[in-house]
Amino acid sequence: CGYSLKVNKKTIFRIEARAIIEGLRIALEKSYRQLEMECDNALLIEFVLTGNAVSSNLAELCLINGYLRKNWKTRIRHIYRSQNMAADQMAKCSYDNQFGLKLFEDPQ
């Protein structure tokens, strides 16, 4: 599945961290046991992969760390924005929506 999330203005780092949290929450609710995530924010991915999220004061990073300690297999990797066409397409589908989450059960 996929999703798009429309939020109030915050820093890009916090918005993308929130997007990861929502993806992890959705995966947990759907009882997925294997998860592959891609993000075009290299700094955020570095924080998560190196374990710096554990000692962070940023609530979003602490939540990500908590989700990643669940009993599942995750793969997280950086992807360049120019290669992130699926995310761009899902974001375009949410322009007409109010703030919040839009879930795509079968994204194209």
PDB file of N, CA and C in Angstrom:
ATOM      1  N   CYS A   1       0.851  -1.182   0.000  1.00  0.00           N
ATOM      2  CA  CYS A   1       0.000   0.000   0.000  1.00  0.00           C
ATOM      3  C   CYS A   1       0.891   1.237   0.000  1.00  0.00           C
ATOM      4  N   GLY A   2       0.285   2.359  -0.130  1.00  0.00           N
ATOM      5  CA  GLY A   2       0.996   3.628  -0.085  1.00  0.00           C
ATOM      6  C   GLY A   2       0.105   4.660   0.575  1.00  0.00           C
ATOM      7  N   TYR A   3       0.638   5.823   0.789  1.00  0.00           N
ATOM      8  CA  TYR A   3      -0.149   6.867   1.427  1.00  0.00           C
ATOM      9  C   TYR A   3       0.444   8.225   1.098  1.00  0.00           C
ATOM     10  N   SER A   4      -0.353   9.240   1.292  1.00  0.00           N
ATOM     11  CA  SER A   4       0.143  10.604   1.228  1.00  0.00           C
ATOM     12  C   SER A   4      -0.376  11.317   2.465  1.00  0.00           C
ATOM     13  N   LEU A   5       0.398  12.253   2.932  1.00  0.00           N
ATOM     14  CA  LEU A   5       0.092  12.939   4.182  1.00  0.00           C
ATOM     15  C   LEU A   5       0.221  14.435   3.959  1.00  0.00           C
ATOM     16  N   LYS A   6      -0.854  15.147   4.198  1.00  0.00           N
ATOM     17  CA  LYS A   6      -0.843  16.597   4.054  1.00  0.00           C
ATOM     18  C   LYS A   6      -0.854  17.199   5.452  1.00  0.00           C
ATOM     19  N   VAL A   7       0.176  17.978   5.779  1.00  0.00           N
ATOM     20  CA  VAL A   7       0.332  18.512   7.133  1.00  0.00           C
ATOM     21  C   VAL A   7       0.544  20.019   7.090  1.00  0.00           C
ATOM     22  N   ASN A   8       0.459  20.631   8.267  1.00  0.00           N
ATOM     23  CA  ASN A   8       0.775  22.047   8.390  1.00  0.00           C
ATOM     24  C   ASN A   8       2.256  22.247   8.119  1.00  0.00           C
ATOM     25  N   LYS A   9       2.635  23.488   7.895  1.00  0.00           N
ATOM     26  CA  LYS A   9       4.036  23.787   7.619  1.00  0.00           C
ATOM     27  C   LYS A   9       4.899  23.541   8.847  1.00  0.00           C
ATOM     28  N   LYS A  10       5.920  22.740   8.667  1.00  0.00           N
ATOM     29  CA  LYS A  10       6.943  22.475   9.670  1.00  0.00           C
ATOM     30  C   LYS A  10       8.245  22.370   8.908  1.00  0.00           C
ATOM     31  N   THR A  11       9.313  22.034   9.590  1.00  0.00           N
ATOM     32  CA  THR A  11      10.558  21.828   8.870  1.00  0.00           C
ATOM     33  C   THR A  11      10.443  20.562   8.031  1.00  0.00           C
ATOM     34  N   ILE A  12      11.141  20.542   6.916  1.00  0.00           N
ATOM     35  CA  ILE A  12      11.121  19.385   6.025  1.00  0.00           C
ATOM     36  C   ILE A  12      11.525  18.123   6.783  1.00  0.00           C
ATOM     37  N   PHE A  13      12.526  18.236   7.639  1.00  0.00           N
ATOM     38  CA  PHE A  13      13.004  17.085   8.401  1.00  0.00           C
ATOM     39  C   PHE A  13      11.876  16.480   9.231  1.00  0.00           C
ATOM     40  N   ARG A  14      11.126  17.317   9.931  1.00  0.00           N
ATOM     41  CA  ARG A  14      10.032  16.823  10.787  1.00  0.00           C
ATOM     42  C   ARG A  14       8.874  16.272   9.966  1.00  0.00           C
ATOM     43  N   ILE A  15       8.588  16.888   8.823  1.00  0.00           N
ATOM     44  CA  ILE A  15       7.511  16.398   7.961  1.00  0.00           C
ATOM     45  C   ILE A  15       7.853  15.008   7.437  1.00  0.00           C
ATOM     46  N   GLU A  16       9.090  14.835   6.986  1.00  0.00           N
ATOM     47  CA  GLU A  16       9.472  13.531   6.452  1.00  0.00           C
ATOM     48  C   GLU A  16       9.583  12.491   7.554  1.00  0.00           C
ATOM     49  N   ALA A  17      10.002  12.895   8.740  1.00  0.00           N
ATOM     50  CA  ALA A  17      10.016  11.970   9.876  1.00  0.00           C
ATOM     51  C   ALA A  17       8.587  11.543  10.203  1.00  0.00           C
ATOM     52  N   ARG A  18       7.664  12.477  10.178  1.00  0.00           N
ATOM     53  CA  ARG A  18       6.256  12.146  10.431  1.00  0.00           C
ATOM     54  C   ARG A  18       5.718  11.194   9.378  1.00  0.00           C
ATOM     55  N   ALA A  19       6.129  11.382   8.133  1.00  0.00           N
ATOM     56  CA  ALA A  19       5.697  10.485   7.059  1.00  0.00           C
ATOM     57  C   ALA A  19       6.199   9.061   7.310  1.00  0.00           C
ATOM     58  N   ILE A  20       7.431   8.927   7.788  1.00  0.00           N
ATOM     59  CA  ILE A  20       7.957   7.600   8.118  1.00  0.00           C
ATOM     60  C   ILE A  20       7.160   6.988   9.267  1.00  0.00           C
ATOM     61  N   ILE A  21       6.854   7.792  10.272  1.00  0.00           N
ATOM     62  CA  ILE A  21       6.060   7.294  11.407  1.00  0.00           C
ATOM     63  C   ILE A  21       4.714   6.775  10.917  1.00  0.00           C
ATOM     64  N   GLU A  22       4.042   7.522  10.063  1.00  0.00           N
ATOM     65  CA  GLU A  22       2.738   7.095   9.556  1.00  0.00           C
ATOM     66  C   GLU A  22       2.861   5.799   8.764  1.00  0.00           C
ATOM     67  N   GLY A  23       3.906   5.677   7.957  1.00  0.00           N
ATOM     68  CA  GLY A  23       4.128   4.447   7.207  1.00  0.00           C
ATOM     69  C   GLY A  23       4.351   3.262   8.124  1.00  0.00           C
ATOM     70  N   LEU A  24       5.139   3.462   9.174  1.00  0.00           N
ATOM     71  CA  LEU A  24       5.381   2.396  10.144  1.00  0.00           C
ATOM     72  C   LEU A  24       4.098   2.020  10.883  1.00  0.00           C
ATOM     73  N   ARG A  25       3.302   3.023  11.229  1.00  0.00           N
ATOM     74  CA  ARG A  25       2.032   2.768  11.928  1.00  0.00           C
ATOM     75  C   ARG A  25       1.083   1.971  11.045  1.00  0.00           C
ATOM     76  N   ILE A  26       0.983   2.351   9.783  1.00  0.00           N
ATOM     77  CA  ILE A  26       0.105   1.643   8.845  1.00  0.00           C
ATOM     78  C   ILE A  26       0.574   0.194   8.684  1.00  0.00           C
ATOM     79  N   ALA A  27       1.879   0.005   8.529  1.00  0.00           N
ATOM     80  CA  ALA A  27       2.428  -1.353   8.370  1.00  0.00           C
ATOM     81  C   ALA A  27       2.125  -2.208   9.594  1.00  0.00           C
ATOM     82  N   LEU A  28       2.241  -1.620  10.764  1.00  0.00           N
ATOM     83  CA  LEU A  28       1.952  -2.353  11.999  1.00  0.00           C
ATOM     84  C   LEU A  28       0.474  -2.719  12.081  1.00  0.00           C
ATOM     85  N   GLU A  29      -0.402  -1.778  11.746  1.00  0.00           N
ATOM     86  CA  GLU A  29      -1.845  -2.041  11.759  1.00  0.00           C
ATOM     87  C   GLU A  29      -2.232  -3.131  10.772  1.00  0.00           C
ATOM     88  N   LYS A  30      -1.537  -3.212   9.652  1.00  0.00           N
ATOM     89  CA  LYS A  30      -1.833  -4.217   8.636  1.00  0.00           C
ATOM     90  C   LYS A  30      -1.101  -5.530   8.901  1.00  0.00           C
ATOM     91  N   SER A  31      -0.378  -5.577  10.012  1.00  0.00           N
ATOM     92  CA  SER A  31       0.355  -6.781  10.436  1.00  0.00           C
ATOM     93  C   SER A  31       1.420  -7.221   9.437  1.00  0.00           C
ATOM     94  N   TYR A  32       2.021  -6.258   8.743  1.00  0.00           N
ATOM     95  CA  TYR A  32       3.130  -6.590   7.852  1.00  0.00           C
ATOM     96  C   TYR A  32       4.319  -7.003   8.700  1.00  0.00           C
ATOM     97  N   ARG A  33       5.064  -7.976   8.264  1.00  0.00           N
ATOM     98  CA  ARG A  33       6.245  -8.438   8.996  1.00  0.00           C
ATOM     99  C   ARG A  33       7.535  -8.106   8.267  1.00  0.00           C
ATOM    100  N   GLN A  34       7.425  -7.671   7.019  1.00  0.00           N
ATOM    101  CA  GLN A  34       8.576  -7.203   6.264  1.00  0.00           C
ATOM    102  C   GLN A  34       8.212  -5.860   5.656  1.00  0.00           C
ATOM    103  N   LEU A  35       9.135  -4.932   5.731  1.00  0.00           N
ATOM    104  CA  LEU A  35       8.839  -3.569   5.314  1.00  0.00           C
ATOM    105  C   LEU A  35      10.060  -2.969   4.647  1.00  0.00           C
ATOM    106  N   GLU A  36       9.846  -2.350   3.512  1.00  0.00           N
ATOM    107  CA  GLU A  36      10.912  -1.632   2.824  1.00  0.00           C
ATOM    108  C   GLU A  36      10.479  -0.184   2.682  1.00  0.00           C
ATOM    109  N   MET A  37      11.312   0.723   3.201  1.00  0.00           N
ATOM    110  CA  MET A  37      11.005   2.149   3.144  1.00  0.00           C
ATOM    111  C   MET A  37      12.083   2.874   2.361  1.00  0.00           C
ATOM    112  N   GLU A  38      11.650   3.884   1.618  1.00  0.00           N
ATOM    113  CA  GLU A  38      12.570   4.748   0.897  1.00  0.00           C
ATOM    114  C   GLU A  38      12.252   6.182   1.285  1.00  0.00           C
ATOM    115  N   CYS A  39      13.285   6.977   1.408  1.00  0.00           N
ATOM    116  CA  CYS A  39      13.114   8.379   1.788  1.00  0.00           C
ATOM    117  C   CYS A  39      14.177   9.202   1.063  1.00  0.00           C
ATOM    118  N   ASP A  40      13.786  10.373   0.592  1.00  0.00           N
ATOM    119  CA  ASP A  40      14.759  11.194  -0.121  1.00  0.00           C
ATOM    120  C   ASP A  40      15.487  12.186   0.789  1.00  0.00           C
ATOM    121  N   ASN A  41      15.307  12.064   2.088  1.00  0.00           N
ATOM    122  CA  ASN A  41      16.013  12.918   3.044  1.00  0.00           C
ATOM    123  C   ASN A  41      17.196  12.122   3.622  1.00  0.00           C
ATOM    124  N   ALA A  42      18.375  12.353   3.070  1.00  0.00           N
ATOM    125  CA  ALA A  42      19.570  11.585   3.455  1.00  0.00           C
ATOM    126  C   ALA A  42      19.908  11.767   4.933  1.00  0.00           C
ATOM    127  N   LEU A  43      19.742  12.956   5.464  1.00  0.00           N
ATOM    128  CA  LEU A  43      20.058  13.204   6.876  1.00  0.00           C
ATOM    129  C   LEU A  43      19.143  12.395   7.795  1.00  0.00           C
ATOM    130  N   LEU A  44      17.872  12.367   7.488  1.00  0.00           N
ATOM    131  CA  LEU A  44      16.920  11.595   8.284  1.00  0.00           C
ATOM    132  C   LEU A  44      17.278  10.108   8.249  1.00  0.00           C
ATOM    133  N   ILE A  45      17.578   9.585   7.081  1.00  0.00           N
ATOM    134  CA  ILE A  45      17.949   8.175   6.953  1.00  0.00           C
ATOM    135  C   ILE A  45      19.218   7.892   7.747  1.00  0.00           C
ATOM    136  N   GLU A  46      20.183   8.798   7.694  1.00  0.00           N
ATOM    137  CA  GLU A  46      21.426   8.621   8.461  1.00  0.00           C
ATOM    138  C   GLU A  46      21.131   8.561   9.960  1.00  0.00           C
ATOM    139  N   PHE A  47      20.283   9.450  10.449  1.00  0.00           N
ATOM    140  CA  PHE A  47      19.913   9.443  11.876  1.00  0.00           C
ATOM    141  C   PHE A  47      19.287   8.113  12.275  1.00  0.00           C
ATOM    142  N   VAL A  48      18.393   7.615  11.440  1.00  0.00           N
ATOM    143  CA  VAL A  48      17.693   6.370  11.761  1.00  0.00           C
ATOM    144  C   VAL A  48      18.646   5.179  11.701  1.00  0.00           C
ATOM    145  N   LEU A  49      19.449   5.091  10.658  1.00  0.00           N
ATOM    146  CA  LEU A  49      20.307   3.927  10.470  1.00  0.00           C
ATOM    147  C   LEU A  49      21.481   3.862  11.439  1.00  0.00           C
ATOM    148  N   THR A  50      21.993   5.003  11.867  1.00  0.00           N
ATOM    149  CA  THR A  50      23.145   5.007  12.767  1.00  0.00           C
ATOM    150  C   THR A  50      22.750   4.908  14.233  1.00  0.00           C
ATOM    151  N   GLY A  51      21.470   4.938  14.505  1.00  0.00           N
ATOM    152  CA  GLY A  51      21.028   4.837  15.890  1.00  0.00           C
ATOM    153  C   GLY A  51      20.967   6.170  16.607  1.00  0.00           C
ATOM    154  N   ASN A  52      21.238   7.268  15.911  1.00  0.00           N
ATOM    155  CA  ASN A  52      21.170   8.591  16.545  1.00  0.00           C
ATOM    156  C   ASN A  52      19.746   8.962  16.928  1.00  0.00           C
ATOM    157  N   ALA A  53      18.757   8.276  16.368  1.00  0.00           N
ATOM    158  CA  ALA A  53      17.366   8.546  16.724  1.00  0.00           C
ATOM    159  C   ALA A  53      17.100   8.184  18.175  1.00  0.00           C
ATOM    160  N   VAL A  54      17.863   7.229  18.709  1.00  0.00           N
ATOM    161  CA  VAL A  54      17.662   6.777  20.093  1.00  0.00           C
ATOM    162  C   VAL A  54      17.919   7.906  21.076  1.00  0.00           C
ATOM    163  N   SER A  55      18.978   8.677  20.846  1.00  0.00           N
ATOM    164  CA  SER A  55      19.367   9.716  21.793  1.00  0.00           C
ATOM    165  C   SER A  55      18.818  11.095  21.431  1.00  0.00           C
ATOM    166  N   SER A  56      17.970  11.172  20.444  1.00  0.00           N
ATOM    167  CA  SER A  56      17.455  12.450  19.984  1.00  0.00           C
ATOM    168  C   SER A  56      16.396  13.006  20.925  1.00  0.00           C
ATOM    169  N   ASN A  57      16.329  14.323  20.986  1.00  0.00           N
ATOM    170  CA  ASN A  57      15.258  15.001  21.719  1.00  0.00           C
ATOM    171  C   ASN A  57      14.035  15.214  20.834  1.00  0.00           C
ATOM    172  N   LEU A  58      14.166  14.929  19.556  1.00  0.00           N
ATOM    173  CA  LEU A  58      13.070  15.118  18.619  1.00  0.00           C
ATOM    174  C   LEU A  58      12.091  13.940  18.750  1.00  0.00           C
ATOM    175  N   ALA A  59      10.876  14.241  19.124  1.00  0.00           N
ATOM    176  CA  ALA A  59       9.882  13.200  19.409  1.00  0.00           C
ATOM    177  C   ALA A  59       9.684  12.260  18.226  1.00  0.00           C
ATOM    178  N   GLU A  60       9.704  12.802  17.006  1.00  0.00           N
ATOM    179  CA  GLU A  60       9.492  11.970  15.828  1.00  0.00           C
ATOM    180  C   GLU A  60      10.570  10.898  15.703  1.00  0.00           C
ATOM    181  N   LEU A  61      11.826  11.256  15.983  1.00  0.00           N
ATOM    182  CA  LEU A  61      12.910  10.280  15.882  1.00  0.00           C
ATOM    183  C   LEU A  61      12.782   9.205  16.954  1.00  0.00           C
ATOM    184  N   CYS A  62      12.360   9.590  18.132  1.00  0.00           N
ATOM    185  CA  CYS A  62      12.138   8.602  19.201  1.00  0.00           C
ATOM    186  C   CYS A  62      11.025   7.632  18.821  1.00  0.00           C
ATOM    187  N   LEU A  63       9.956   8.139  18.213  1.00  0.00           N
ATOM    188  CA  LEU A  63       8.862   7.278  17.775  1.00  0.00           C
ATOM    189  C   LEU A  63       9.313   6.309  16.685  1.00  0.00           C
ATOM    190  N   ILE A  64      10.101   6.802  15.737  1.00  0.00           N
ATOM    191  CA  ILE A  64      10.628   5.935  14.677  1.00  0.00           C
ATOM    192  C   ILE A  64      11.445   4.812  15.295  1.00  0.00           C
ATOM    193  N   ASN A  65      12.315   5.150  16.228  1.00  0.00           N
ATOM    194  CA  ASN A  65      13.141   4.146  16.888  1.00  0.00           C
ATOM    195  C   ASN A  65      12.284   3.106  17.590  1.00  0.00           C
ATOM    196  N   GLY A  66      11.230   3.547  18.251  1.00  0.00           N
ATOM    197  CA  GLY A  66      10.339   2.618  18.933  1.00  0.00           C
ATOM    198  C   GLY A  66       9.660   1.662  17.959  1.00  0.00           C
ATOM    199  N   TYR A  67       9.200   2.175  16.842  1.00  0.00           N
ATOM    200  CA  TYR A  67       8.581   1.316  15.833  1.00  0.00           C
ATOM    201  C   TYR A  67       9.582   0.314  15.261  1.00  0.00           C
ATOM    202  N   LEU A  68      10.808   0.768  15.029  1.00  0.00           N
ATOM    203  CA  LEU A  68      11.803  -0.118  14.410  1.00  0.00           C
ATOM    204  C   LEU A  68      12.249  -1.243  15.335  1.00  0.00           C
ATOM    205  N   ARG A  69      11.999  -1.101  16.633  1.00  0.00           N
ATOM    206  CA  ARG A  69      12.355  -2.166  17.576  1.00  0.00           C
ATOM    207  C   ARG A  69      11.291  -3.258  17.639  1.00  0.00           C
ATOM    208  N   LYS A  70      10.217  -3.099  16.899  1.00  0.00           N
ATOM    209  CA  LYS A  70       9.165  -4.124  16.868  1.00  0.00           C
ATOM    210  C   LYS A  70       9.707  -5.377  16.191  1.00  0.00           C
ATOM    211  N   ASN A  71       8.948  -6.457  16.302  1.00  0.00           N
ATOM    212  CA  ASN A  71       9.364  -7.742  15.758  1.00  0.00           C
ATOM    213  C   ASN A  71       9.008  -7.830  14.268  1.00  0.00           C
ATOM    214  N   TRP A  72       9.809  -7.207  13.430  1.00  0.00           N
ATOM    215  CA  TRP A  72       9.634  -7.280  11.998  1.00  0.00           C
ATOM    216  C   TRP A  72      10.952  -6.989  11.301  1.00  0.00           C
ATOM    217  N   LYS A  73      10.990  -7.265  10.037  1.00  0.00           N
ATOM    218  CA  LYS A  73      12.201  -7.057   9.246  1.00  0.00           C
ATOM    219  C   LYS A  73      12.003  -5.784   8.434  1.00  0.00           C
ATOM    220  N   THR A  74      12.901  -4.822   8.598  1.00  0.00           N
ATOM    221  CA  THR A  74      12.773  -3.560   7.878  1.00  0.00           C
ATOM    222  C   THR A  74      14.030  -3.288   7.069  1.00  0.00           C
ATOM    223  N   ARG A  75      13.828  -2.651   5.954  1.00  0.00           N
ATOM    224  CA  ARG A  75      14.927  -2.165   5.120  1.00  0.00           C
ATOM    225  C   ARG A  75      14.635  -0.707   4.838  1.00  0.00           C
ATOM    226  N   ILE A  76      15.562   0.139   5.215  1.00  0.00           N
ATOM    227  CA  ILE A  76      15.399   1.577   5.027  1.00  0.00           C
ATOM    228  C   ILE A  76      16.552   2.057   4.164  1.00  0.00           C
ATOM    229  N   ARG A  77      16.232   2.820   3.144  1.00  0.00           N
ATOM    230  CA  ARG A  77      17.306   3.309   2.290  1.00  0.00           C
ATOM    231  C   ARG A  77      16.985   4.691   1.746  1.00  0.00           C
ATOM    232  N   HIS A  78      18.046   5.388   1.428  1.00  0.00           N
ATOM    233  CA  HIS A  78      17.926   6.706   0.807  1.00  0.00           C
ATOM    234  C   HIS A  78      17.645   6.514  -0.677  1.00  0.00           C
ATOM    235  N   ILE A  79      16.780   7.342  -1.203  1.00  0.00           N
ATOM    236  CA  ILE A  79      16.509   7.362  -2.634  1.00  0.00           C
ATOM    237  C   ILE A  79      16.557   8.825  -3.063  1.00  0.00           C
ATOM    238  N   TYR A  80      17.156   9.089  -4.201  1.00  0.00           N
ATOM    239  CA  TYR A  80      17.221  10.468  -4.684  1.00  0.00           C
ATOM    240  C   TYR A  80      15.830  10.953  -5.078  1.00  0.00           C
ATOM    241  N   ARG A  81      15.592  12.219  -4.831  1.00  0.00           N
ATOM    242  CA  ARG A  81      14.273  12.794  -5.109  1.00  0.00           C
ATOM    243  C   ARG A  81      13.853  12.570  -6.562  1.00  0.00           C
ATOM    244  N   SER A  82      14.791  12.651  -7.477  1.00  0.00           N
ATOM    245  CA  SER A  82      14.475  12.462  -8.894  1.00  0.00           C
ATOM    246  C   SER A  82      14.009  11.038  -9.199  1.00  0.00           C
ATOM    247  N   GLN A  83      14.326  10.088  -8.323  1.00  0.00           N
ATOM    248  CA  GLN A  83      13.909   8.702  -8.504  1.00  0.00           C
ATOM    249  C   GLN A  83      12.636   8.375  -7.730  1.00  0.00           C
ATOM    250  N   ASN A  84      12.101   9.338  -7.034  1.00  0.00           N
ATOM    251  CA  ASN A  84      10.977   9.112  -6.135  1.00  0.00           C
ATOM    252  C   ASN A  84       9.648   9.436  -6.819  1.00  0.00           C
ATOM    253  N   MET A  85       9.437   8.875  -8.005  1.00  0.00           N
ATOM    254  CA  MET A  85       8.253   9.196  -8.802  1.00  0.00           C
ATOM    255  C   MET A  85       6.958   8.693  -8.169  1.00  0.00           C
ATOM    256  N   ALA A  86       7.016   7.553  -7.489  1.00  0.00           N
ATOM    257  CA  ALA A  86       5.804   7.021  -6.860  1.00  0.00           C
ATOM    258  C   ALA A  86       5.293   7.976  -5.792  1.00  0.00           C
ATOM    259  N   ALA A  87       6.205   8.498  -4.982  1.00  0.00           N
ATOM    260  CA  ALA A  87       5.800   9.447  -3.938  1.00  0.00           C
ATOM    261  C   ALA A  87       5.241  10.726  -4.552  1.00  0.00           C
ATOM    262  N   ASP A  88       5.859  11.199  -5.618  1.00  0.00           N
ATOM    263  CA  ASP A  88       5.359  12.404  -6.279  1.00  0.00           C
ATOM    264  C   ASP A  88       3.945  12.188  -6.820  1.00  0.00           C
ATOM    265  N   GLN A  89       3.701  11.026  -7.395  1.00  0.00           N
ATOM    266  CA  GLN A  89       2.375  10.732  -7.947  1.00  0.00           C
ATOM    267  C   GLN A  89       1.314  10.673  -6.849  1.00  0.00           C
ATOM    268  N   MET A  90       1.635  10.024  -5.729  1.00  0.00           N
ATOM    269  CA  MET A  90       0.671   9.938  -4.634  1.00  0.00           C
ATOM    270  C   MET A  90       0.426  11.322  -4.026  1.00  0.00           C
ATOM    271  N   ALA A  91       1.462  12.157  -3.958  1.00  0.00           N
ATOM    272  CA  ALA A  91       1.303  13.512  -3.421  1.00  0.00           C
ATOM    273  C   ALA A  91       0.365  14.331  -4.306  1.00  0.00           C
ATOM    274  N   LYS A  92       0.457  14.159  -5.609  1.00  0.00           N
ATOM    275  CA  LYS A  92      -0.421  14.882  -6.529  1.00  0.00           C
ATOM    276  C   LYS A  92      -1.883  14.499  -6.325  1.00  0.00           C
ATOM    277  N   CYS A  93      -2.127  13.261  -5.920  1.00  0.00           N
ATOM    278  CA  CYS A  93      -3.501  12.797  -5.679  1.00  0.00           C
ATOM    279  C   CYS A  93      -4.107  13.427  -4.438  1.00  0.00           C
ATOM    280  N   SER A  94      -3.299  14.011  -3.581  1.00  0.00           N
ATOM    281  CA  SER A  94      -3.821  14.550  -2.320  1.00  0.00           C
ATOM    282  C   SER A  94      -3.989  16.061  -2.342  1.00  0.00           C
ATOM    283  N   TYR A  95      -3.703  16.721  -3.467  1.00  0.00           N
ATOM    284  CA  TYR A  95      -3.820  18.173  -3.503  1.00  0.00           C
ATOM    285  C   TYR A  95      -5.219  18.664  -3.187  1.00  0.00           C
ATOM    286  N   ASP A  96      -6.235  17.906  -3.560  1.00  0.00           N
ATOM    287  CA  ASP A  96      -7.597  18.354  -3.341  1.00  0.00           C
ATOM    288  C   ASP A  96      -8.132  17.985  -1.962  1.00  0.00           C
ATOM    289  N   ASN A  97      -7.370  17.241  -1.187  1.00  0.00           N
ATOM    290  CA  ASN A  97      -7.833  16.791   0.129  1.00  0.00           C
ATOM    291  C   ASN A  97      -7.519  17.801   1.219  1.00  0.00           C
ATOM    292  N   GLN A  98      -8.216  17.648   2.301  1.00  0.00           N
ATOM    293  CA  GLN A  98      -7.918  18.421   3.501  1.00  0.00           C
ATOM    294  C   GLN A  98      -6.663  17.858   4.136  1.00  0.00           C
ATOM    295  N   PHE A  99      -6.216  18.480   5.217  1.00  0.00           N
ATOM    296  CA  PHE A  99      -5.056  17.979   5.934  1.00  0.00           C
ATOM    297  C   PHE A  99      -5.343  16.574   6.440  1.00  0.00           C
ATOM    298  N   GLY A 100      -4.324  15.758   6.464  1.00  0.00           N
ATOM    299  CA  GLY A 100      -4.469  14.407   6.991  1.00  0.00           C
ATOM    300  C   GLY A 100      -3.891  13.371   6.066  1.00  0.00           C
ATOM    301  N   LEU A 101      -4.229  12.150   6.345  1.00  0.00           N
ATOM    302  CA  LEU A 101      -3.659  10.990   5.681  1.00  0.00           C
ATOM    303  C   LEU A 101      -4.601  10.455   4.630  1.00  0.00           C
ATOM    304  N   LYS A 102      -4.067  10.117   3.465  1.00  0.00           N
ATOM    305  CA  LYS A 102      -4.830   9.448   2.424  1.00  0.00           C
ATOM    306  C   LYS A 102      -4.125   8.139   2.117  1.00  0.00           C
ATOM    307  N   LEU A 103      -4.820   7.027   2.306  1.00  0.00           N
ATOM    308  CA  LEU A 103      -4.255   5.701   2.130  1.00  0.00           C
ATOM    309  C   LEU A 103      -4.593   5.184   0.743  1.00  0.00           C
ATOM    310  N   PHE A 104      -3.593   4.619   0.061  1.00  0.00           N
ATOM    311  CA  PHE A 104      -3.783   3.996  -1.238  1.00  0.00           C
ATOM    312  C   PHE A 104      -3.575   2.493  -1.042  1.00  0.00           C
ATOM    313  N   GLU A 105      -4.659   1.743  -1.056  1.00  0.00           N
ATOM    314  CA  GLU A 105      -4.559   0.301  -0.826  1.00  0.00           C
ATOM    315  C   GLU A 105      -3.792  -0.397  -1.939  1.00  0.00           C
ATOM    316  N   ASP A 106      -3.941   0.081  -3.158  1.00  0.00           N
ATOM    317  CA  ASP A 106      -3.275  -0.545  -4.301  1.00  0.00           C
ATOM    318  C   ASP A 106      -2.688   0.531  -5.197  1.00  0.00           C
ATOM    319  N   PRO A 107      -1.564   1.174  -4.764  1.00  0.00           N
ATOM    320  CA  PRO A 107      -1.012   2.262  -5.563  1.00  0.00           C
ATOM    321  C   PRO A 107      -0.477   1.753  -6.903  1.00  0.00           C
ATOM    322  N   GLN A 108      -0.563   2.590  -7.908  1.00  0.00           N
ATOM    323  CA  GLN A 108      -0.064   2.204  -9.233  1.00  0.00           C
ATOM    324  C   GLN A 108       1.428   2.397  -9.327  1.00  0.00           C
TER     325      GLN A 108
END
